[in-house]
């Protein structure tokens, strides 16, 4: 799935993902956050609000992962 498609998932849809998918999603999101941060810092015209959306979605994914670990 593309990042844009992932951001549209609800919490219930995230809960349906397998543990491996959650791990892969976390890795992709962290890379995308870093890339977005660099684009904004280097003034490459990146989407400034994109970082916030990515961080919020990462928080949802981490919440679901911690719920499973409990």
C-alpha atoms as a PDB file:
ATOM      1  CA  UNK A   1       0.000   0.000   0.000  1.00  0.00           C
ATOM      2  CA  UNK A   2       1.091   3.540  -0.684  1.00  0.00           C
ATOM      3  CA  UNK A   3       1.557   5.970   2.195  1.00  0.00           C
ATOM      4  CA  UNK A   4      -1.475   8.008   1.092  1.00  0.00           C
ATOM      5  CA  UNK A   5      -3.652   4.905   1.208  1.00  0.00           C
ATOM      6  CA  UNK A   6      -2.319   3.968   4.633  1.00  0.00           C
ATOM      7  CA  UNK A   7      -3.187   7.358   6.078  1.00  0.00           C
ATOM      8  CA  UNK A   8      -6.844   6.761   5.209  1.00  0.00           C
ATOM      9  CA  UNK A   9      -7.096   3.599   7.338  1.00  0.00           C
ATOM     10  CA  UNK A  10      -9.166   3.762  10.498  1.00  0.00           C
ATOM     11  CA  UNK A  11      -8.057   2.318  13.831  1.00  0.00           C
ATOM     12  CA  UNK A  12     -10.289  -0.722  13.349  1.00  0.00           C
ATOM     13  CA  UNK A  13      -8.662  -1.411   9.972  1.00  0.00           C
ATOM     14  CA  UNK A  14      -5.212  -1.059  11.536  1.00  0.00           C
ATOM     15  CA  UNK A  15      -6.203  -3.621  14.171  1.00  0.00           C
ATOM     16  CA  UNK A  16      -6.953  -6.122  11.385  1.00  0.00           C
ATOM     17  CA  UNK A  17      -3.355  -5.912  10.127  1.00  0.00           C
ATOM     18  CA  UNK A  18      -0.938  -8.706  10.996  1.00  0.00           C
ATOM     19  CA  UNK A  19       2.000  -8.122  13.317  1.00  0.00           C
ATOM     20  CA  UNK A  20       4.391  -8.216  10.356  1.00  0.00           C
ATOM     21  CA  UNK A  21       2.338  -5.646   8.476  1.00  0.00           C
ATOM     22  CA  UNK A  22       2.326  -3.377  11.525  1.00  0.00           C
ATOM     23  CA  UNK A  23       6.110  -3.662  11.811  1.00  0.00           C
ATOM     24  CA  UNK A  24       6.593  -2.900   8.120  1.00  0.00           C
ATOM     25  CA  UNK A  25       4.200   0.031   8.343  1.00  0.00           C
ATOM     26  CA  UNK A  26       6.094   1.464  11.326  1.00  0.00           C
ATOM     27  CA  UNK A  27       9.373   1.258   9.433  1.00  0.00           C
ATOM     28  CA  UNK A  28       7.911   2.883   6.299  1.00  0.00           C
ATOM     29  CA  UNK A  29       6.277   5.662   8.305  1.00  0.00           C
ATOM     30  CA  UNK A  30       9.466   6.487  10.207  1.00  0.00           C
ATOM     31  CA  UNK A  31      11.389   6.691   6.930  1.00  0.00           C
ATOM     32  CA  UNK A  32       8.689   8.861   5.374  1.00  0.00           C
ATOM     33  CA  UNK A  33       8.667  11.170   8.417  1.00  0.00           C
ATOM     34  CA  UNK A  34      12.431  11.577   8.164  1.00  0.00           C
ATOM     35  CA  UNK A  35      12.214  12.287   4.432  1.00  0.00           C
ATOM     36  CA  UNK A  36       9.428  14.827   4.914  1.00  0.00           C
ATOM     37  CA  UNK A  37      11.379  16.521   7.700  1.00  0.00           C
ATOM     38  CA  UNK A  38      14.439  16.803   5.459  1.00  0.00           C
ATOM     39  CA  UNK A  39      12.404  18.132   2.536  1.00  0.00           C
ATOM     40  CA  UNK A  40      10.933  20.866   4.712  1.00  0.00           C
ATOM     41  CA  UNK A  41      14.296  21.707   6.287  1.00  0.00           C
ATOM     42  CA  UNK A  42      15.997  21.931   2.890  1.00  0.00           C
ATOM     43  CA  UNK A  43      13.049  23.863   1.465  1.00  0.00           C
ATOM     44  CA  UNK A  44      12.393  21.384  -1.300  1.00  0.00           C
ATOM     45  CA  UNK A  45       8.731  22.265  -1.258  1.00  0.00           C
ATOM     46  CA  UNK A  46       7.583  19.310   0.807  1.00  0.00           C
ATOM     47  CA  UNK A  47       4.118  19.190   2.326  1.00  0.00           C
ATOM     48  CA  UNK A  48       4.510  20.861   5.718  1.00  0.00           C
ATOM     49  CA  UNK A  49       1.283  19.391   7.087  1.00  0.00           C
ATOM     50  CA  UNK A  50       2.272  15.942   5.859  1.00  0.00           C
ATOM     51  CA  UNK A  51       4.603  15.463   8.799  1.00  0.00           C
ATOM     52  CA  UNK A  52       1.798  15.929  11.288  1.00  0.00           C
ATOM     53  CA  UNK A  53      -0.444  13.454   9.442  1.00  0.00           C
ATOM     54  CA  UNK A  54       2.352  10.901   9.325  1.00  0.00           C
ATOM     55  CA  UNK A  55       3.161  11.294  13.024  1.00  0.00           C
ATOM     56  CA  UNK A  56      -0.485  10.895  14.007  1.00  0.00           C
ATOM     57  CA  UNK A  57      -0.848   7.765  11.920  1.00  0.00           C
ATOM     58  CA  UNK A  58       2.386   6.375  13.384  1.00  0.00           C
ATOM     59  CA  UNK A  59       0.920   7.000  16.847  1.00  0.00           C
ATOM     60  CA  UNK A  60      -2.182   4.983  15.876  1.00  0.00           C
ATOM     61  CA  UNK A  61      -0.025   2.112  14.646  1.00  0.00           C
ATOM     62  CA  UNK A  62       2.118   2.160  17.794  1.00  0.00           C
ATOM     63  CA  UNK A  63      -1.014   2.223  19.962  1.00  0.00           C
ATOM     64  CA  UNK A  64      -2.402  -0.878  18.255  1.00  0.00           C
ATOM     65  CA  UNK A  65       0.984  -2.612  18.585  1.00  0.00           C
ATOM     66  CA  UNK A  66       1.165  -1.827  22.309  1.00  0.00           C
ATOM     67  CA  UNK A  67      -2.422  -3.038  22.802  1.00  0.00           C
ATOM     68  CA  UNK A  68      -1.428  -6.377  21.314  1.00  0.00           C
ATOM     69  CA  UNK A  69       1.681  -6.594  23.479  1.00  0.00           C
ATOM     70  CA  UNK A  70      -0.360  -6.168  26.659  1.00  0.00           C
END
